[in-house]
PDB file of N, CA and C in Angstrom:
ATOM      1  N   MET A   1      65.613   0.277 172.297  1.00  0.00           N
ATOM      2  CA  MET A   1      64.988   1.223 171.405  1.00  0.00           C
ATOM      3  C   MET A   1      65.842   2.489 171.314  1.00  0.00           C
ATOM      4  N   ARG A   2      65.947   3.018 170.141  1.00  0.00           N
ATOM      5  CA  ARG A   2      66.764   4.190 169.881  1.00  0.00           C
ATOM      6  C   ARG A   2      66.115   5.449 170.446  1.00  0.00           C
ATOM      7  N   ASN A   3      66.930   6.283 171.099  1.00  0.00           N
ATOM      8  CA  ASN A   3      66.476   7.567 171.617  1.00  0.00           C
ATOM      9  C   ASN A   3      66.434   8.564 170.458  1.00  0.00           C
ATOM     10  N   LYS A   4      65.258   9.056 170.135  1.00  0.00           N
ATOM     11  CA  LYS A   4      65.090   9.948 168.974  1.00  0.00           C
ATOM     12  C   LYS A   4      65.781  11.293 169.168  1.00  0.00           C
ATOM     13  N   ASN A   5      66.174  11.632 170.401  1.00  0.00           N
ATOM     14  CA  ASN A   5      66.895  12.878 170.651  1.00  0.00           C
ATOM     15  C   ASN A   5      68.385  12.751 170.332  1.00  0.00           C
ATOM     16  N   ASN A   6      68.878  11.528 170.270  1.00  0.00           N
ATOM     17  CA  ASN A   6      70.291  11.317 169.973  1.00  0.00           C
ATOM     18  C   ASN A   6      70.576  11.545 168.501  1.00  0.00           C
ATOM     19  N   LYS A   7      71.801  11.950 168.219  1.00  0.00           N
ATOM     20  CA  LYS A   7      72.244  12.164 166.848  1.00  0.00           C
ATOM     21  C   LYS A   7      72.861  10.874 166.324  1.00  0.00           C
ATOM     22  N   HIS A   8      72.767  10.668 165.022  1.00  0.00           N
ATOM     23  CA  HIS A   8      73.345   9.487 164.384  1.00  0.00           C
ATOM     24  C   HIS A   8      74.611   9.907 163.649  1.00  0.00           C
ATOM     25  N   LEU A   9      75.661   9.107 163.783  1.00  0.00           N
ATOM     26  CA  LEU A   9      76.922   9.387 163.124  1.00  0.00           C
ATOM     27  C   LEU A   9      77.355   8.144 162.368  1.00  0.00           C
ATOM     28  N   GLY A  10      77.436   8.243 161.067  1.00  0.00           N
ATOM     29  CA  GLY A  10      77.898   7.123 160.247  1.00  0.00           C
ATOM     30  C   GLY A  10      79.343   7.355 159.841  1.00  0.00           C
ATOM     31  N   ILE A  11      80.179   6.335 159.976  1.00  0.00           N
ATOM     32  CA  ILE A  11      81.577   6.469 159.580  1.00  0.00           C
ATOM     33  C   ILE A  11      81.981   5.270 158.729  1.00  0.00           C
ATOM     34  N   GLU A  12      82.961   5.474 157.880  1.00  0.00           N
ATOM     35  CA  GLU A  12      83.546   4.372 157.121  1.00  0.00           C
ATOM     36  C   GLU A  12      84.921   4.096 157.691  1.00  0.00           C
ATOM     37  N   ILE A  13      85.213   2.818 157.940  1.00  0.00           N
ATOM     38  CA  ILE A  13      86.539   2.432 158.434  1.00  0.00           C
ATOM     39  C   ILE A  13      87.016   1.223 157.650  1.00  0.00           C
ATOM     40  N   ASP A  14      88.335   1.086 157.589  1.00  0.00           N
ATOM     41  CA  ASP A  14      88.890  -0.039 156.842  1.00  0.00           C
ATOM     42  C   ASP A  14      88.695  -1.339 157.622  1.00  0.00           C
ATOM     43  N   PRO A  15      88.753  -2.481 156.933  1.00  0.00           N
ATOM     44  CA  PRO A  15      88.474  -3.778 157.577  1.00  0.00           C
ATOM     45  C   PRO A  15      89.383  -4.098 158.764  1.00  0.00           C
ATOM     46  N   GLU A  16      90.654  -3.715 158.695  1.00  0.00           N
ATOM     47  CA  GLU A  16      91.568  -4.008 159.807  1.00  0.00           C
ATOM     48  C   GLU A  16      91.157  -3.236 161.053  1.00  0.00           C
ATOM     49  N   LEU A  17      90.861  -1.956 160.890  1.00  0.00           N
ATOM     50  CA  LEU A  17      90.432  -1.130 162.016  1.00  0.00           C
ATOM     51  C   LEU A  17      89.106  -1.640 162.580  1.00  0.00           C
ATOM     52  N   HIS A  18      88.207  -2.059 161.710  1.00  0.00           N
ATOM     53  CA  HIS A  18      86.916  -2.603 162.112  1.00  0.00           C
ATOM     54  C   HIS A  18      87.106  -3.860 162.970  1.00  0.00           C
ATOM     55  N   TYR A  19      87.953  -4.757 162.502  1.00  0.00           N
ATOM     56  CA  TYR A  19      88.215  -5.988 163.252  1.00  0.00           C
ATOM     57  C   TYR A  19      88.793  -5.678 164.628  1.00  0.00           C
ATOM     58  N   LYS A  20      89.779  -4.784 164.654  1.00  0.00           N
ATOM     59  CA  LYS A  20      90.452  -4.460 165.916  1.00  0.00           C
ATOM     60  C   LYS A  20      89.501  -3.758 166.884  1.00  0.00           C
ATOM     61  N   LEU A  21      88.628  -2.903 166.375  1.00  0.00           N
ATOM     62  CA  LEU A  21      87.638  -2.252 167.219  1.00  0.00           C
ATOM     63  C   LEU A  21      86.737  -3.296 167.874  1.00  0.00           C
ATOM     64  N   HIS A  22      86.251  -4.242 167.085  1.00  0.00           N
ATOM     65  CA  HIS A  22      85.382  -5.286 167.631  1.00  0.00           C
ATOM     66  C   HIS A  22      86.139  -6.183 168.615  1.00  0.00           C
ATOM     67  N   TYR A  23      87.394  -6.463 168.342  1.00  0.00           N
ATOM     68  CA  TYR A  23      88.211  -7.270 169.247  1.00  0.00           C
ATOM     69  C   TYR A  23      88.326  -6.577 170.603  1.00  0.00           C
ATOM     70  N   ILE A  24      88.672  -5.288 170.587  1.00  0.00           N
ATOM     71  CA  ILE A  24      88.848  -4.534 171.829  1.00  0.00           C
ATOM     72  C   ILE A  24      87.522  -4.390 172.565  1.00  0.00           C
ATOM     73  N   SER A  25      86.459  -4.063 171.845  1.00  0.00           N
ATOM     74  CA  SER A  25      85.169  -3.885 172.504  1.00  0.00           C
ATOM     75  C   SER A  25      84.699  -5.186 173.147  1.00  0.00           C
ATOM     76  N   LYS A  26      84.920  -6.303 172.475  1.00  0.00           N
ATOM     77  CA  LYS A  26      84.552  -7.610 173.050  1.00  0.00           C
ATOM     78  C   LYS A  26      85.382  -7.896 174.302  1.00  0.00           C
ATOM     79  N   TYR A  27      86.667  -7.569 174.260  1.00  0.00           N
ATOM     80  CA  TYR A  27      87.562  -7.763 175.404  1.00  0.00           C
ATOM     81  C   TYR A  27      87.030  -7.026 176.639  1.00  0.00           C
ATOM     82  N   TYR A  28      86.532  -5.814 176.440  1.00  0.00           N
ATOM     83  CA  TYR A  28      86.025  -5.008 177.546  1.00  0.00           C
ATOM     84  C   TYR A  28      84.539  -5.227 177.831  1.00  0.00           C
ATOM     85  N   GLY A  29      83.911  -6.122 177.095  1.00  0.00           N
ATOM     86  CA  GLY A  29      82.506  -6.421 177.341  1.00  0.00           C
ATOM     87  C   GLY A  29      81.565  -5.341 176.851  1.00  0.00           C
ATOM     88  N   ARG A  30      81.994  -4.625 175.823  1.00  0.00           N
ATOM     89  CA  ARG A  30      81.164  -3.574 175.252  1.00  0.00           C
ATOM     90  C   ARG A  30      80.808  -3.935 173.824  1.00  0.00           C
ATOM     91  N   SER A  31      79.777  -3.279 173.320  1.00  0.00           N
ATOM     92  CA  SER A  31      79.501  -3.354 171.887  1.00  0.00           C
ATOM     93  C   SER A  31      80.500  -2.429 171.191  1.00  0.00           C
ATOM     94  N   ALA A  32      80.609  -2.552 169.878  1.00  0.00           N
ATOM     95  CA  ALA A  32      81.484  -1.642 169.141  1.00  0.00           C
ATOM     96  C   ALA A  32      80.990  -0.207 169.309  1.00  0.00           C
ATOM     97  N   ASN A  33      79.683  -0.004 169.257  1.00  0.00           N
ATOM     98  CA  ASN A  33      79.120   1.327 169.456  1.00  0.00           C
ATOM     99  C   ASN A  33      79.462   1.854 170.854  1.00  0.00           C
ATOM    100  N   GLY A  34      79.328   1.001 171.856  1.00  0.00           N
ATOM    101  CA  GLY A  34      79.662   1.385 173.227  1.00  0.00           C
ATOM    102  C   GLY A  34      81.126   1.740 173.371  1.00  0.00           C
ATOM    103  N   GLU A  35      81.994   1.006 172.699  1.00  0.00           N
ATOM    104  CA  GLU A  35      83.427   1.288 172.753  1.00  0.00           C
ATOM    105  C   GLU A  35      83.734   2.634 172.105  1.00  0.00           C
ATOM    106  N   ILE A  36      83.106   2.913 170.974  1.00  0.00           N
ATOM    107  CA  ILE A  36      83.317   4.195 170.299  1.00  0.00           C
ATOM    108  C   ILE A  36      82.846   5.340 171.190  1.00  0.00           C
ATOM    109  N   LEU A  37      81.675   5.199 171.808  1.00  0.00           N
ATOM    110  CA  LEU A  37      81.175   6.239 172.705  1.00  0.00           C
ATOM    111  C   LEU A  37      82.111   6.428 173.894  1.00  0.00           C
ATOM    112  N   TYR A  38      82.621   5.335 174.446  1.00  0.00           N
ATOM    113  CA  TYR A  38      83.575   5.419 175.550  1.00  0.00           C
ATOM    114  C   TYR A  38      84.817   6.200 175.135  1.00  0.00           C
ATOM    115  N   LEU A  39      85.369   5.871 173.970  1.00  0.00           N
ATOM    116  CA  LEU A  39      86.576   6.546 173.497  1.00  0.00           C
ATOM    117  C   LEU A  39      86.325   8.026 173.229  1.00  0.00           C
ATOM    118  N   ILE A  40      85.174   8.348 172.651  1.00  0.00           N
ATOM    119  CA  ILE A  40      84.839   9.753 172.403  1.00  0.00           C
ATOM    120  C   ILE A  40      84.734  10.506 173.729  1.00  0.00           C
ATOM    121  N   ARG A  41      84.054   9.917 174.702  1.00  0.00           N
ATOM    122  CA  ARG A  41      83.917  10.574 176.017  1.00  0.00           C
ATOM    123  C   ARG A  41      85.274  10.792 176.677  1.00  0.00           C
ATOM    124  N   GLN A  42      86.157   9.799 176.570  1.00  0.00           N
ATOM    125  CA  GLN A  42      87.498   9.930 177.154  1.00  0.00           C
ATOM    126  C   GLN A  42      88.269  11.068 176.488  1.00  0.00           C
ATOM    127  N   GLU A  43      88.167  11.179 175.173  1.00  0.00           N
ATOM    128  CA  GLU A  43      88.870  12.229 174.446  1.00  0.00           C
ATOM    129  C   GLU A  43      88.321  13.608 174.796  1.00  0.00           C
ATOM    130  N   ILE A  44      87.001  13.724 174.915  1.00  0.00           N
ATOM    131  CA  ILE A  44      86.401  14.999 175.297  1.00  0.00           C
ATOM    132  C   ILE A  44      86.825  15.383 176.707  1.00  0.00           C
ATOM    133  N   LYS A  45      86.832  14.412 177.620  1.00  0.00           N
ATOM    134  CA  LYS A  45      87.255  14.670 178.998  1.00  0.00           C
ATOM    135  C   LYS A  45      88.699  15.168 179.035  1.00  0.00           C
ATOM    136  N   ALA A  46      89.592  14.541 178.279  1.00  0.00           N
ATOM    137  CA  ALA A  46      91.001  14.944 178.231  1.00  0.00           C
ATOM    138  C   ALA A  46      91.143  16.334 177.613  1.00  0.00           C
ATOM    139  N   PHE A  47      90.406  16.596 176.546  1.00  0.00           N
ATOM    140  CA  PHE A  47      90.461  17.904 175.894  1.00  0.00           C
ATOM    141  C   PHE A  47      90.020  18.996 176.854  1.00  0.00           C
ATOM    142  N   GLU A  48      88.881  18.778 177.521  1.00  0.00           N
ATOM    143  CA  GLU A  48      88.352  19.790 178.426  1.00  0.00           C
ATOM    144  C   GLU A  48      89.251  19.990 179.641  1.00  0.00           C
ATOM    145  N   LYS A  49      89.938  18.956 180.059  1.00  0.00           N
ATOM    146  CA  LYS A  49      90.875  19.088 181.173  1.00  0.00           C
ATOM    147  C   LYS A  49      92.019  20.021 180.787  1.00  0.00           C
ATOM    148  N   ASN A  50      92.485  19.908 179.551  1.00  0.00           N
ATOM    149  CA  ASN A  50      93.620  20.719 179.085  1.00  0.00           C
ATOM    150  C   ASN A  50      93.211  22.089 178.559  1.00  0.00           C
ATOM    151  N   GLU A  51      92.058  22.179 177.928  1.00  0.00           N
ATOM    152  CA  GLU A  51      91.676  23.395 177.208  1.00  0.00           C
ATOM    153  C   GLU A  51      90.494  24.144 177.811  1.00  0.00           C
ATOM    154  N   GLY A  52      89.830  23.532 178.773  1.00  0.00           N
ATOM    155  CA  GLY A  52      88.655  24.169 179.368  1.00  0.00           C
ATOM    156  C   GLY A  52      87.376  23.553 178.833  1.00  0.00           C
ATOM    157  N   GLU A  53      86.340  23.713 179.609  1.00  0.00           N
ATOM    158  CA  GLU A  53      85.055  23.103 179.260  1.00  0.00           C
ATOM    159  C   GLU A  53      84.493  23.689 177.965  1.00  0.00           C
ATOM    160  N   ILE A  54      83.944  22.828 177.165  1.00  0.00           N
ATOM    161  CA  ILE A  54      83.275  23.237 175.925  1.00  0.00           C
ATOM    162  C   ILE A  54      81.843  23.586 176.291  1.00  0.00           C
ATOM    163  N   GLU A  55      81.476  24.815 176.021  1.00  0.00           N
ATOM    164  CA  GLU A  55      80.121  25.253 176.344  1.00  0.00           C
ATOM    165  C   GLU A  55      79.187  24.937 175.185  1.00  0.00           C
ATOM    166  N   LEU A  56      78.018  24.440 175.520  1.00  0.00           N
ATOM    167  CA  LEU A  56      77.006  24.130 174.523  1.00  0.00           C
ATOM    168  C   LEU A  56      76.283  25.412 174.124  1.00  0.00           C
ATOM    169  N   PRO A  57      75.866  25.489 172.868  1.00  0.00           N
ATOM    170  CA  PRO A  57      75.120  26.677 172.460  1.00  0.00           C
ATOM    171  C   PRO A  57      73.784  26.746 173.196  1.00  0.00           C
ATOM    172  N   LYS A  58      73.366  27.941 173.474  1.00  0.00           N
ATOM    173  CA  LYS A  58      72.079  28.129 174.162  1.00  0.00           C
ATOM    174  C   LYS A  58      71.001  28.325 173.110  1.00  0.00           C
ATOM    175  N   ASP A  59      70.139  27.324 172.985  1.00  0.00           N
ATOM    176  CA  ASP A  59      69.058  27.390 171.985  1.00  0.00           C
ATOM    177  C   ASP A  59      67.804  27.931 172.593  1.00  0.00           C
TER     178      ASP A  59
END
């Protein structure tokens, strides 16, 4: 079941990139969505390591 607190992100990708994403995610035993989330987390971790932690706005 979807967590209603999570944000939804829709993207368009070309068929070759789509195929390769699914190939890689299957190789690692992840869904395509799981693979995308993994890659985003890795990129954020690398960015914050080099540039400092990104602070969330205080609501």
